[in-house]
């Protein structure tokens, strides 16, 4: 393994792709989500930096986005277009070494001896090549492992280069809240706060056994390691594979009849089954997501007795998961996700 790991993150990727297709939108607030109609229910997939100034961000209801930024240009999601540009970006990154793809818009790179000798120089070269190949800007984070590189990227945006190491870890992150760490969400942060663990430094200096008592023998020590900046530095060039396939549907009116909810879950499960078959890997678990009116979201899952791609089995599992929802309030969104094994 090389000493340095680079993390490349395309800046405002989806919005940037749309601006490339419509140059007249450059400099304007652009919001991508749903079918592009902000009068309908749906959520923001991404927003340009110009729209983010108004508090528009991913996951925000489109109607709220319209209220916050009435002058924004709203566009529909165009998945094939983003996938095509992403493939071009990843091909460009492979010019520099081993690439571990994380999604459409980000990847880790092990640049080998060149990266070890001059990681920042390689980072700047990557930015130039991506710009030449796709006209897109990217930010590059540099770290002694993947965790450090990933978090460094956040300090380099937009279109910059930033470095985070063991030596600088606590100076940069020590006083930040625990959920500033990659992999630590708001729910975990709340549980940590109940233990009077609020900052990255608090978590890093807590004995792993103490955290394990609350989070379990695997997650507890892992949280402490992450807070100390410890993670794998191995970048694998194996083809990226999705961890799951899923479908969501937002109702334009709240659905109060849960018989209709059941029918929609079955429909979504069968659509997901088609994607599972196309993926060529069987699912091991099915998860159902319900967003109640006005906007509270809950999920329940069901582990399959054996891996399968069978649509009938996945639909039945989705209904089992749905049956675990005891709250039968009106529903505004449904989602079904099939998860693959390791």
C-alpha atoms as a PDB file:
ATOM      1  CA  UNK A   1       0.000   0.000   0.000  1.00  0.00           C
ATOM      2  CA  UNK A   2       1.123   3.552  -0.673  1.00  0.00           C
ATOM      3  CA  UNK A   3       1.658   6.009   2.135  1.00  0.00           C
ATOM      4  CA  UNK A   4      -0.986   8.384   0.814  1.00  0.00           C
ATOM      5  CA  UNK A   5      -4.604   7.841  -0.230  1.00  0.00           C
ATOM      6  CA  UNK A   6      -6.404  10.382  -2.425  1.00  0.00           C
ATOM      7  CA  UNK A   7     -10.165  10.919  -2.391  1.00  0.00           C
ATOM      8  CA  UNK A   8     -11.723  12.607  -5.419  1.00  0.00           C
ATOM      9  CA  UNK A   9     -15.178  14.156  -5.120  1.00  0.00           C
ATOM     10  CA  UNK A  10     -16.912  15.850  -8.054  1.00  0.00           C
ATOM     11  CA  UNK A  11     -18.258  19.247  -7.008  1.00  0.00           C
ATOM     12  CA  UNK A  12     -22.080  19.550  -7.114  1.00  0.00           C
ATOM     13  CA  UNK A  13     -21.917  16.691  -9.613  1.00  0.00           C
ATOM     14  CA  UNK A  14     -25.510  16.318 -10.782  1.00  0.00           C
ATOM     15  CA  UNK A  15     -26.120  20.064 -10.946  1.00  0.00           C
ATOM     16  CA  UNK A  16     -22.805  20.548 -12.740  1.00  0.00           C
ATOM     17  CA  UNK A  17     -23.735  17.948 -15.365  1.00  0.00           C
ATOM     18  CA  UNK A  18     -27.021  19.753 -15.971  1.00  0.00           C
ATOM     19  CA  UNK A  19     -25.237  23.090 -16.370  1.00  0.00           C
ATOM     20  CA  UNK A  20     -22.890  21.513 -18.918  1.00  0.00           C
ATOM     21  CA  UNK A  21     -25.955  20.465 -20.899  1.00  0.00           C
ATOM     22  CA  UNK A  22     -27.505  23.918 -20.506  1.00  0.00           C
ATOM     23  CA  UNK A  23     -24.676  26.490 -20.375  1.00  0.00           C
ATOM     24  CA  UNK A  24     -27.177  29.320 -20.010  1.00  0.00           C
ATOM     25  CA  UNK A  25     -27.787  28.090 -16.433  1.00  0.00           C
ATOM     26  CA  UNK A  26     -24.212  28.812 -15.316  1.00  0.00           C
ATOM     27  CA  UNK A  27     -24.238  30.999 -12.214  1.00  0.00           C
ATOM     28  CA  UNK A  28     -27.941  30.474 -11.578  1.00  0.00           C
ATOM     29  CA  UNK A  29     -29.490  28.482  -8.721  1.00  0.00           C
ATOM     30  CA  UNK A  30     -30.266  25.009 -10.079  1.00  0.00           C
ATOM     31  CA  UNK A  31     -32.265  22.354  -8.236  1.00  0.00           C
ATOM     32  CA  UNK A  32     -32.554  18.770  -9.508  1.00  0.00           C
ATOM     33  CA  UNK A  33     -35.208  16.447  -8.144  1.00  0.00           C
ATOM     34  CA  UNK A  34     -38.286  14.394  -8.981  1.00  0.00           C
ATOM     35  CA  UNK A  35     -39.703  15.174 -12.395  1.00  0.00           C
ATOM     36  CA  UNK A  36     -38.589  18.790 -12.126  1.00  0.00           C
ATOM     37  CA  UNK A  37     -41.976  20.154 -11.068  1.00  0.00           C
ATOM     38  CA  UNK A  38     -41.623  21.835  -7.644  1.00  0.00           C
ATOM     39  CA  UNK A  39     -45.387  22.079  -7.268  1.00  0.00           C
ATOM     40  CA  UNK A  40     -45.454  18.300  -6.900  1.00  0.00           C
ATOM     41  CA  UNK A  41     -44.245  16.226  -4.003  1.00  0.00           C
ATOM     42  CA  UNK A  42     -40.663  15.068  -4.244  1.00  0.00           C
ATOM     43  CA  UNK A  43     -37.254  15.783  -2.781  1.00  0.00           C
ATOM     44  CA  UNK A  44     -34.115  17.544  -3.947  1.00  0.00           C
ATOM     45  CA  UNK A  45     -31.483  15.206  -5.410  1.00  0.00           C
ATOM     46  CA  UNK A  46     -28.869  17.952  -5.539  1.00  0.00           C
ATOM     47  CA  UNK A  47     -28.603  21.713  -5.692  1.00  0.00           C
ATOM     48  CA  UNK A  48     -26.005  24.015  -7.188  1.00  0.00           C
ATOM     49  CA  UNK A  49     -23.911  26.139  -4.860  1.00  0.00           C
ATOM     50  CA  UNK A  50     -25.982  29.151  -5.884  1.00  0.00           C
ATOM     51  CA  UNK A  51     -29.124  27.397  -4.590  1.00  0.00           C
ATOM     52  CA  UNK A  52     -27.437  26.142  -1.426  1.00  0.00           C
ATOM     53  CA  UNK A  53     -26.934  29.735  -0.323  1.00  0.00           C
ATOM     54  CA  UNK A  54     -30.712  29.844   0.170  1.00  0.00           C
ATOM     55  CA  UNK A  55     -30.740  26.711   2.333  1.00  0.00           C
ATOM     56  CA  UNK A  56     -31.614  24.277  -0.446  1.00  0.00           C
ATOM     57  CA  UNK A  57     -29.968  20.879   0.022  1.00  0.00           C
ATOM     58  CA  UNK A  58     -30.341  17.198  -0.828  1.00  0.00           C
ATOM     59  CA  UNK A  59     -33.386  15.568   0.734  1.00  0.00           C
ATOM     60  CA  UNK A  60     -35.311  18.827   1.120  1.00  0.00           C
ATOM     61  CA  UNK A  61     -38.915  18.715  -0.147  1.00  0.00           C
ATOM     62  CA  UNK A  62     -39.164  20.352  -3.559  1.00  0.00           C
ATOM     63  CA  UNK A  63     -41.985  22.595  -2.392  1.00  0.00           C
ATOM     64  CA  UNK A  64     -39.823  23.862   0.451  1.00  0.00           C
ATOM     65  CA  UNK A  65     -36.968  24.414  -1.984  1.00  0.00           C
ATOM     66  CA  UNK A  66     -39.294  26.540  -4.129  1.00  0.00           C
ATOM     67  CA  UNK A  67     -40.255  28.665  -1.131  1.00  0.00           C
ATOM     68  CA  UNK A  68     -36.639  29.178  -0.142  1.00  0.00           C
ATOM     69  CA  UNK A  69     -35.431  29.910  -3.653  1.00  0.00           C
ATOM     70  CA  UNK A  70     -38.334  30.878  -5.945  1.00  0.00           C
ATOM     71  CA  UNK A  71     -35.942  31.977  -8.706  1.00  0.00           C
ATOM     72  CA  UNK A  72     -34.262  28.572  -8.956  1.00  0.00           C
ATOM     73  CA  UNK A  73     -34.379  26.492 -12.126  1.00  0.00           C
ATOM     74  CA  UNK A  74     -35.920  23.099 -11.323  1.00  0.00           C
ATOM     75  CA  UNK A  75     -34.909  20.100 -13.444  1.00  0.00           C
ATOM     76  CA  UNK A  76     -35.862  16.408 -13.471  1.00  0.00           C
ATOM     77  CA  UNK A  77     -33.445  13.669 -12.475  1.00  0.00           C
ATOM     78  CA  UNK A  78     -31.730  12.088 -15.512  1.00  0.00           C
ATOM     79  CA  UNK A  79     -29.919   9.027 -14.182  1.00  0.00           C
ATOM     80  CA  UNK A  80     -28.541   7.742 -17.537  1.00  0.00           C
ATOM     81  CA  UNK A  81     -26.879  11.094 -18.211  1.00  0.00           C
ATOM     82  CA  UNK A  82     -25.145  11.112 -14.821  1.00  0.00           C
ATOM     83  CA  UNK A  83     -24.002   7.515 -15.196  1.00  0.00           C
ATOM     84  CA  UNK A  84     -22.459   8.258 -18.605  1.00  0.00           C
ATOM     85  CA  UNK A  85     -20.475  11.235 -17.298  1.00  0.00           C
ATOM     86  CA  UNK A  86     -19.456   9.293 -14.205  1.00  0.00           C
ATOM     87  CA  UNK A  87     -17.978   6.509 -16.344  1.00  0.00           C
ATOM     88  CA  UNK A  88     -15.916   9.091 -18.228  1.00  0.00           C
ATOM     89  CA  UNK A  89     -14.642  10.567 -14.957  1.00  0.00           C
ATOM     90  CA  UNK A  90     -13.653   7.175 -13.534  1.00  0.00           C
ATOM     91  CA  UNK A  91     -11.833   6.249 -16.744  1.00  0.00           C
ATOM     92  CA  UNK A  92      -9.839   9.465 -16.399  1.00  0.00           C
ATOM     93  CA  UNK A  93      -8.984   8.743 -12.764  1.00  0.00           C
ATOM     94  CA  UNK A  94      -7.620   5.311 -13.700  1.00  0.00           C
ATOM     95  CA  UNK A  95      -4.834   7.090 -15.564  1.00  0.00           C
ATOM     96  CA  UNK A  96      -3.359   7.830 -12.130  1.00  0.00           C
ATOM     97  CA  UNK A  97      -3.419   4.435 -10.445  1.00  0.00           C
ATOM     98  CA  UNK A  98      -5.757   2.056  -8.661  1.00  0.00           C
ATOM     99  CA  UNK A  99      -9.277   3.463  -8.347  1.00  0.00           C
ATOM    100  CA  UNK A 100     -11.910   2.368  -5.842  1.00  0.00           C
ATOM    101  CA  UNK A 101     -15.259   3.754  -7.003  1.00  0.00           C
ATOM    102  CA  UNK A 102     -17.675   4.824  -4.252  1.00  0.00           C
ATOM    103  CA  UNK A 103     -20.487   6.071  -6.463  1.00  0.00           C
ATOM    104  CA  UNK A 104     -21.230   8.341  -9.385  1.00  0.00           C
ATOM    105  CA  UNK A 105     -19.206  11.237  -8.086  1.00  0.00           C
ATOM    106  CA  UNK A 106     -16.436   9.985  -5.806  1.00  0.00           C
ATOM    107  CA  UNK A 107     -13.562   7.529  -5.631  1.00  0.00           C
ATOM    108  CA  UNK A 108     -10.374   6.698  -3.774  1.00  0.00           C
ATOM    109  CA  UNK A 109      -7.057   6.554  -5.646  1.00  0.00           C
ATOM    110  CA  UNK A 110      -3.771   4.855  -4.820  1.00  0.00           C
ATOM    111  CA  UNK A 111      -1.374   6.735  -7.079  1.00  0.00           C
ATOM    112  CA  UNK A 112       1.624   4.555  -6.170  1.00  0.00           C
ATOM    113  CA  UNK A 113       5.126   6.021  -6.158  1.00  0.00           C
ATOM    114  CA  UNK A 114       4.034   9.260  -7.807  1.00  0.00           C
ATOM    115  CA  UNK A 115       1.467   9.827  -5.075  1.00  0.00           C
ATOM    116  CA  UNK A 116       3.984   9.019  -2.353  1.00  0.00           C
ATOM    117  CA  UNK A 117       6.523  11.486  -3.757  1.00  0.00           C
ATOM    118  CA  UNK A 118       4.166  14.416  -4.356  1.00  0.00           C
ATOM    119  CA  UNK A 119       0.537  13.765  -3.360  1.00  0.00           C
ATOM    120  CA  UNK A 120      -0.524  17.392  -3.764  1.00  0.00           C
ATOM    121  CA  UNK A 121       1.075  17.597  -7.195  1.00  0.00           C
ATOM    122  CA  UNK A 122      -0.790  14.461  -8.263  1.00  0.00           C
ATOM    123  CA  UNK A 123      -4.001  15.914  -6.831  1.00  0.00           C
ATOM    124  CA  UNK A 124      -3.606  19.076  -8.911  1.00  0.00           C
ATOM    125  CA  UNK A 125      -2.868  16.975 -11.993  1.00  0.00           C
ATOM    126  CA  UNK A 126      -6.036  14.938 -11.378  1.00  0.00           C
ATOM    127  CA  UNK A 127      -8.076  18.124 -11.184  1.00  0.00           C
ATOM    128  CA  UNK A 128      -6.637  19.361 -14.489  1.00  0.00           C
ATOM    129  CA  UNK A 129      -7.273  16.059 -16.269  1.00  0.00           C
ATOM    130  CA  UNK A 130     -10.843  15.744 -15.023  1.00  0.00           C
ATOM    131  CA  UNK A 131     -11.467  19.299 -16.148  1.00  0.00           C
ATOM    132  CA  UNK A 132      -9.961  18.606 -19.587  1.00  0.00           C
ATOM    133  CA  UNK A 133     -11.905  15.373 -20.038  1.00  0.00           C
ATOM    134  CA  UNK A 134     -15.302  16.408 -18.710  1.00  0.00           C
ATOM    135  CA  UNK A 135     -15.292  20.173 -17.975  1.00  0.00           C
ATOM    136  CA  UNK A 136     -16.178  19.301 -14.380  1.00  0.00           C
ATOM    137  CA  UNK A 137     -14.446  20.504 -11.238  1.00  0.00           C
ATOM    138  CA  UNK A 138     -13.446  18.186  -8.423  1.00  0.00           C
ATOM    139  CA  UNK A 139     -12.015  18.422  -4.928  1.00  0.00           C
ATOM    140  CA  UNK A 140      -9.226  16.120  -3.780  1.00  0.00           C
ATOM    141  CA  UNK A 141      -8.616  15.045  -0.205  1.00  0.00           C
ATOM    142  CA  UNK A 142      -5.273  13.551   0.848  1.00  0.00           C
ATOM    143  CA  UNK A 143      -4.823  11.318   3.883  1.00  0.00           C
ATOM    144  CA  UNK A 144      -2.770   8.523   5.361  1.00  0.00           C
ATOM    145  CA  UNK A 145      -5.849   6.305   5.089  1.00  0.00           C
ATOM    146  CA  UNK A 146      -9.243   6.370   3.397  1.00  0.00           C
ATOM    147  CA  UNK A 147     -11.042   7.940   6.361  1.00  0.00           C
ATOM    148  CA  UNK A 148      -8.631  10.842   6.519  1.00  0.00           C
ATOM    149  CA  UNK A 149      -8.730  11.377   2.752  1.00  0.00           C
ATOM    150  CA  UNK A 150     -12.529  11.305   2.689  1.00  0.00           C
ATOM    151  CA  UNK A 151     -12.871  13.869   5.471  1.00  0.00           C
ATOM    152  CA  UNK A 152     -10.101  16.044   4.040  1.00  0.00           C
ATOM    153  CA  UNK A 153     -12.182  16.529   0.905  1.00  0.00           C
ATOM    154  CA  UNK A 154     -14.791  18.417   2.896  1.00  0.00           C
ATOM    155  CA  UNK A 155     -12.173  20.997   3.882  1.00  0.00           C
ATOM    156  CA  UNK A 156     -11.071  21.494   0.279  1.00  0.00           C
ATOM    157  CA  UNK A 157     -14.426  22.258  -1.339  1.00  0.00           C
ATOM    158  CA  UNK A 158     -15.018  23.604  -3.821  1.00  0.00           C
ATOM    159  CA  UNK A 159     -12.332  22.655  -6.345  1.00  0.00           C
ATOM    160  CA  UNK A 160      -9.487  22.645  -3.832  1.00  0.00           C
ATOM    161  CA  UNK A 161      -6.998  20.239  -2.294  1.00  0.00           C
ATOM    162  CA  UNK A 162      -6.800  19.491   1.430  1.00  0.00           C
ATOM    163  CA  UNK A 163      -4.715  17.133   3.554  1.00  0.00           C
ATOM    164  CA  UNK A 164      -5.558  15.428   6.844  1.00  0.00           C
ATOM    165  CA  UNK A 165      -3.058  13.242   8.725  1.00  0.00           C
ATOM    166  CA  UNK A 166      -2.596  11.596  12.101  1.00  0.00           C
ATOM    167  CA  UNK A 167      -0.547  14.632  13.178  1.00  0.00           C
ATOM    168  CA  UNK A 168      -3.242  17.158  12.232  1.00  0.00           C
ATOM    169  CA  UNK A 169      -6.270  15.018  13.099  1.00  0.00           C
ATOM    170  CA  UNK A 170      -7.189  16.456  16.495  1.00  0.00           C
ATOM    171  CA  UNK A 171      -6.196  20.009  15.594  1.00  0.00           C
ATOM    172  CA  UNK A 172      -8.709  19.900  12.740  1.00  0.00           C
ATOM    173  CA  UNK A 173     -11.426  17.620  14.086  1.00  0.00           C
ATOM    174  CA  UNK A 174     -10.979  17.301  17.837  1.00  0.00           C
ATOM    175  CA  UNK A 175     -13.538  19.929  18.857  1.00  0.00           C
ATOM    176  CA  UNK A 176     -16.035  19.123  16.130  1.00  0.00           C
ATOM    177  CA  UNK A 177     -19.223  17.175  16.938  1.00  0.00           C
ATOM    178  CA  UNK A 178     -19.022  13.389  16.710  1.00  0.00           C
ATOM    179  CA  UNK A 179     -21.225  13.263  13.624  1.00  0.00           C
ATOM    180  CA  UNK A 180     -18.531  15.127  11.692  1.00  0.00           C
ATOM    181  CA  UNK A 181     -16.952  11.683  11.326  1.00  0.00           C
ATOM    182  CA  UNK A 182     -17.598   9.592   8.225  1.00  0.00           C
ATOM    183  CA  UNK A 183     -20.082   6.879   9.147  1.00  0.00           C
ATOM    184  CA  UNK A 184     -21.407   8.544  12.307  1.00  0.00           C
ATOM    185  CA  UNK A 185     -24.946   9.777  11.787  1.00  0.00           C
ATOM    186  CA  UNK A 186     -27.253  11.974  13.816  1.00  0.00           C
ATOM    187  CA  UNK A 187     -28.884   9.022  15.584  1.00  0.00           C
ATOM    188  CA  UNK A 188     -25.528   7.647  16.744  1.00  0.00           C
ATOM    189  CA  UNK A 189     -24.432  11.134  17.793  1.00  0.00           C
ATOM    190  CA  UNK A 190     -27.545  11.486  19.966  1.00  0.00           C
ATOM    191  CA  UNK A 191     -26.810   8.189  21.693  1.00  0.00           C
ATOM    192  CA  UNK A 192     -23.218   9.275  22.269  1.00  0.00           C
ATOM    193  CA  UNK A 193     -24.419  12.589  23.697  1.00  0.00           C
ATOM    194  CA  UNK A 194     -26.505  10.651  26.212  1.00  0.00           C
ATOM    195  CA  UNK A 195     -23.161   9.228  27.404  1.00  0.00           C
ATOM    196  CA  UNK A 196     -21.751  12.790  27.555  1.00  0.00           C
ATOM    197  CA  UNK A 197     -19.633  12.058  24.480  1.00  0.00           C
ATOM    198  CA  UNK A 198     -20.144  15.056  22.226  1.00  0.00           C
ATOM    199  CA  UNK A 199     -16.980  15.793  20.281  1.00  0.00           C
ATOM    200  CA  UNK A 200     -14.537  13.765  18.224  1.00  0.00           C
ATOM    201  CA  UNK A 201     -11.974  14.164  21.025  1.00  0.00           C
ATOM    202  CA  UNK A 202     -14.486  12.988  23.624  1.00  0.00           C
ATOM    203  CA  UNK A 203     -15.089   9.818  21.636  1.00  0.00           C
ATOM    204  CA  UNK A 204     -11.414   9.213  20.867  1.00  0.00           C
ATOM    205  CA  UNK A 205     -10.472   9.401  24.554  1.00  0.00           C
ATOM    206  CA  UNK A 206     -13.275   7.130  25.782  1.00  0.00           C
ATOM    207  CA  UNK A 207     -12.300   3.538  26.539  1.00  0.00           C
ATOM    208  CA  UNK A 208     -13.599   1.204  23.798  1.00  0.00           C
ATOM    209  CA  UNK A 209     -15.249  -1.043  26.397  1.00  0.00           C
ATOM    210  CA  UNK A 210     -17.361   1.883  27.588  1.00  0.00           C
ATOM    211  CA  UNK A 211     -18.660   2.543  24.082  1.00  0.00           C
ATOM    212  CA  UNK A 212     -19.073  -1.190  23.434  1.00  0.00           C
ATOM    213  CA  UNK A 213     -21.403  -1.423  26.426  1.00  0.00           C
ATOM    214  CA  UNK A 214     -23.850   0.825  24.547  1.00  0.00           C
ATOM    215  CA  UNK A 215     -23.194  -0.014  20.904  1.00  0.00           C
ATOM    216  CA  UNK A 216     -21.980  -3.610  21.013  1.00  0.00           C
ATOM    217  CA  UNK A 217     -18.574  -5.319  20.791  1.00  0.00           C
ATOM    218  CA  UNK A 218     -18.090  -4.536  17.102  1.00  0.00           C
ATOM    219  CA  UNK A 219     -19.568  -1.061  16.582  1.00  0.00           C
ATOM    220  CA  UNK A 220     -18.339   0.367  19.902  1.00  0.00           C
ATOM    221  CA  UNK A 221     -14.584  -0.132  19.353  1.00  0.00           C
ATOM    222  CA  UNK A 222     -14.985   0.807  15.690  1.00  0.00           C
ATOM    223  CA  UNK A 223     -16.439   4.187  16.690  1.00  0.00           C
ATOM    224  CA  UNK A 224     -13.446   4.874  18.914  1.00  0.00           C
ATOM    225  CA  UNK A 225     -11.008   3.920  16.148  1.00  0.00           C
ATOM    226  CA  UNK A 226     -12.767   6.235  13.705  1.00  0.00           C
ATOM    227  CA  UNK A 227     -12.599   9.077  16.232  1.00  0.00           C
ATOM    228  CA  UNK A 228      -8.844   8.489  16.441  1.00  0.00           C
ATOM    229  CA  UNK A 229      -8.509   8.703  12.652  1.00  0.00           C
ATOM    230  CA  UNK A 230      -7.690   5.009  12.294  1.00  0.00           C
ATOM    231  CA  UNK A 231      -8.926   3.182   9.175  1.00  0.00           C
ATOM    232  CA  UNK A 232      -7.845   1.064   6.238  1.00  0.00           C
ATOM    233  CA  UNK A 233      -5.484   2.515   3.664  1.00  0.00           C
ATOM    234  CA  UNK A 234      -6.033  -0.266   1.141  1.00  0.00           C
ATOM    235  CA  UNK A 235      -7.522   0.928  -2.141  1.00  0.00           C
ATOM    236  CA  UNK A 236      -9.037  -1.911  -4.140  1.00  0.00           C
ATOM    237  CA  UNK A 237      -9.515  -1.693  -7.866  1.00  0.00           C
ATOM    238  CA  UNK A 238     -12.279  -4.265  -7.913  1.00  0.00           C
ATOM    239  CA  UNK A 239     -15.344  -3.165  -9.892  1.00  0.00           C
ATOM    240  CA  UNK A 240     -17.781  -1.166  -7.810  1.00  0.00           C
ATOM    241  CA  UNK A 241     -20.935  -3.046  -6.898  1.00  0.00           C
ATOM    242  CA  UNK A 242     -24.071  -1.552  -5.468  1.00  0.00           C
ATOM    243  CA  UNK A 243     -24.906  -2.689  -1.946  1.00  0.00           C
ATOM    244  CA  UNK A 244     -28.593  -2.575  -2.738  1.00  0.00           C
ATOM    245  CA  UNK A 245     -31.213  -1.780  -5.342  1.00  0.00           C
ATOM    246  CA  UNK A 246     -34.311   0.163  -4.502  1.00  0.00           C
ATOM    247  CA  UNK A 247     -37.314   2.104  -5.698  1.00  0.00           C
ATOM    248  CA  UNK A 248     -39.264   4.926  -4.092  1.00  0.00           C
ATOM    249  CA  UNK A 249     -42.570   6.524  -4.983  1.00  0.00           C
ATOM    250  CA  UNK A 250     -43.984   9.799  -3.677  1.00  0.00           C
ATOM    251  CA  UNK A 251     -47.778  10.065  -3.649  1.00  0.00           C
ATOM    252  CA  UNK A 252     -49.213  13.372  -4.779  1.00  0.00           C
ATOM    253  CA  UNK A 253     -51.923  12.917  -2.147  1.00  0.00           C
ATOM    254  CA  UNK A 254     -51.608  11.185   1.199  1.00  0.00           C
ATOM    255  CA  UNK A 255     -52.702   7.546   1.126  1.00  0.00           C
ATOM    256  CA  UNK A 256     -54.887   6.688   4.109  1.00  0.00           C
ATOM    257  CA  UNK A 257     -55.976   3.227   2.958  1.00  0.00           C
ATOM    258  CA  UNK A 258     -53.261   0.760   3.948  1.00  0.00           C
ATOM    259  CA  UNK A 259     -54.664  -1.804   1.539  1.00  0.00           C
ATOM    260  CA  UNK A 260     -53.505   0.579  -1.167  1.00  0.00           C
ATOM    261  CA  UNK A 261     -50.192   0.926   0.644  1.00  0.00           C
ATOM    262  CA  UNK A 262     -49.782  -2.861   0.504  1.00  0.00           C
ATOM    263  CA  UNK A 263     -50.521  -2.923  -3.217  1.00  0.00           C
ATOM    264  CA  UNK A 264     -47.948  -0.204  -3.864  1.00  0.00           C
ATOM    265  CA  UNK A 265     -45.329  -2.034  -1.811  1.00  0.00           C
ATOM    266  CA  UNK A 266     -45.861  -5.167  -3.881  1.00  0.00           C
ATOM    267  CA  UNK A 267     -45.567  -3.142  -7.101  1.00  0.00           C
ATOM    268  CA  UNK A 268     -42.327  -1.527  -5.960  1.00  0.00           C
ATOM    269  CA  UNK A 269     -40.936  -4.865  -4.773  1.00  0.00           C
ATOM    270  CA  UNK A 270     -41.511  -6.394  -8.201  1.00  0.00           C
ATOM    271  CA  UNK A 271     -39.776  -3.463  -9.896  1.00  0.00           C
ATOM    272  CA  UNK A 272     -36.859  -3.902  -7.524  1.00  0.00           C
ATOM    273  CA  UNK A 273     -36.821  -7.639  -8.305  1.00  0.00           C
ATOM    274  CA  UNK A 274     -36.274  -6.805 -11.981  1.00  0.00           C
ATOM    275  CA  UNK A 275     -33.201  -4.762 -11.014  1.00  0.00           C
ATOM    276  CA  UNK A 276     -31.951  -7.546  -8.746  1.00  0.00           C
ATOM    277  CA  UNK A 277     -32.180  -9.996 -11.657  1.00  0.00           C
ATOM    278  CA  UNK A 278     -30.340  -7.535 -13.915  1.00  0.00           C
ATOM    279  CA  UNK A 279     -27.651  -7.130 -11.235  1.00  0.00           C
ATOM    280  CA  UNK A 280     -27.011 -10.870 -11.316  1.00  0.00           C
ATOM    281  CA  UNK A 281     -26.737 -11.120  -7.528  1.00  0.00           C
ATOM    282  CA  UNK A 282     -29.418 -12.422  -5.172  1.00  0.00           C
ATOM    283  CA  UNK A 283     -30.825 -10.287  -2.366  1.00  0.00           C
ATOM    284  CA  UNK A 284     -30.458 -11.280   1.274  1.00  0.00           C
ATOM    285  CA  UNK A 285     -32.725  -8.686   2.910  1.00  0.00           C
ATOM    286  CA  UNK A 286     -35.662  -6.478   2.004  1.00  0.00           C
ATOM    287  CA  UNK A 287     -36.260  -3.093   3.615  1.00  0.00           C
ATOM    288  CA  UNK A 288     -39.440  -1.033   3.405  1.00  0.00           C
ATOM    289  CA  UNK A 289     -39.396   2.719   3.951  1.00  0.00           C
ATOM    290  CA  UNK A 290     -42.506   4.675   4.883  1.00  0.00           C
ATOM    291  CA  UNK A 291     -42.666   8.446   5.031  1.00  0.00           C
ATOM    292  CA  UNK A 292     -45.761   9.580   6.855  1.00  0.00           C
ATOM    293  CA  UNK A 293     -47.512  12.897   6.397  1.00  0.00           C
ATOM    294  CA  UNK A 294     -46.163  15.430   6.874  1.00  0.00           C
ATOM    295  CA  UNK A 295     -42.537  14.191   6.761  1.00  0.00           C
ATOM    296  CA  UNK A 296     -41.603  11.607   9.422  1.00  0.00           C
ATOM    297  CA  UNK A 297     -39.742   8.599   7.986  1.00  0.00           C
ATOM    298  CA  UNK A 298     -39.390   5.077   9.369  1.00  0.00           C
ATOM    299  CA  UNK A 299     -37.970   1.791   8.037  1.00  0.00           C
ATOM    300  CA  UNK A 300     -38.328  -1.899   8.779  1.00  0.00           C
ATOM    301  CA  UNK A 301     -36.500  -4.829   7.205  1.00  0.00           C
ATOM    302  CA  UNK A 302     -36.888  -8.557   6.790  1.00  0.00           C
ATOM    303  CA  UNK A 303     -33.992 -10.973   6.337  1.00  0.00           C
ATOM    304  CA  UNK A 304     -34.648 -13.570   3.676  1.00  0.00           C
ATOM    305  CA  UNK A 305     -34.318 -17.259   4.649  1.00  0.00           C
ATOM    306  CA  UNK A 306     -31.944 -17.687   1.715  1.00  0.00           C
ATOM    307  CA  UNK A 307     -30.566 -15.378  -1.022  1.00  0.00           C
ATOM    308  CA  UNK A 308     -32.985 -14.964  -3.900  1.00  0.00           C
ATOM    309  CA  UNK A 309     -33.914 -12.915  -6.963  1.00  0.00           C
ATOM    310  CA  UNK A 310     -37.455 -14.262  -7.101  1.00  0.00           C
ATOM    311  CA  UNK A 311     -40.017 -11.475  -7.421  1.00  0.00           C
ATOM    312  CA  UNK A 312     -42.719 -13.335  -5.506  1.00  0.00           C
ATOM    313  CA  UNK A 313     -40.388 -13.976  -2.575  1.00  0.00           C
ATOM    314  CA  UNK A 314     -39.154 -10.378  -2.494  1.00  0.00           C
ATOM    315  CA  UNK A 315     -42.719  -9.066  -2.628  1.00  0.00           C
ATOM    316  CA  UNK A 316     -43.741 -11.373   0.214  1.00  0.00           C
ATOM    317  CA  UNK A 317     -40.744 -10.246   2.261  1.00  0.00           C
ATOM    318  CA  UNK A 318     -41.661  -6.608   1.624  1.00  0.00           C
ATOM    319  CA  UNK A 319     -45.152  -7.268   2.983  1.00  0.00           C
ATOM    320  CA  UNK A 320     -43.653  -8.887   6.085  1.00  0.00           C
ATOM    321  CA  UNK A 321     -41.516  -5.779   6.611  1.00  0.00           C
ATOM    322  CA  UNK A 322     -44.534  -3.539   6.038  1.00  0.00           C
ATOM    323  CA  UNK A 323     -46.455  -5.522   8.633  1.00  0.00           C
ATOM    324  CA  UNK A 324     -43.971  -4.371  11.253  1.00  0.00           C
ATOM    325  CA  UNK A 325     -45.227  -0.810  10.941  1.00  0.00           C
ATOM    326  CA  UNK A 326     -47.706  -0.383  13.792  1.00  0.00           C
ATOM    327  CA  UNK A 327     -48.332   3.274  12.975  1.00  0.00           C
ATOM    328  CA  UNK A 328     -50.990   3.376  10.278  1.00  0.00           C
ATOM    329  CA  UNK A 329     -51.085   7.111   9.682  1.00  0.00           C
ATOM    330  CA  UNK A 330     -51.492   8.541   6.163  1.00  0.00           C
ATOM    331  CA  UNK A 331     -48.494   7.839   3.907  1.00  0.00           C
ATOM    332  CA  UNK A 332     -46.822  10.255   1.493  1.00  0.00           C
ATOM    333  CA  UNK A 333     -43.876   8.110   0.291  1.00  0.00           C
ATOM    334  CA  UNK A 334     -43.035   4.424   0.025  1.00  0.00           C
ATOM    335  CA  UNK A 335     -39.723   2.773  -0.713  1.00  0.00           C
ATOM    336  CA  UNK A 336     -38.560  -0.811  -1.135  1.00  0.00           C
ATOM    337  CA  UNK A 337     -34.885  -1.764  -1.062  1.00  0.00           C
ATOM    338  CA  UNK A 338     -33.301  -5.152  -1.713  1.00  0.00           C
ATOM    339  CA  UNK A 339     -29.898  -5.543  -0.065  1.00  0.00           C
ATOM    340  CA  UNK A 340     -27.150  -7.798  -1.361  1.00  0.00           C
ATOM    341  CA  UNK A 341     -24.775  -9.907   0.702  1.00  0.00           C
ATOM    342  CA  UNK A 342     -21.152  -9.011   1.376  1.00  0.00           C
END
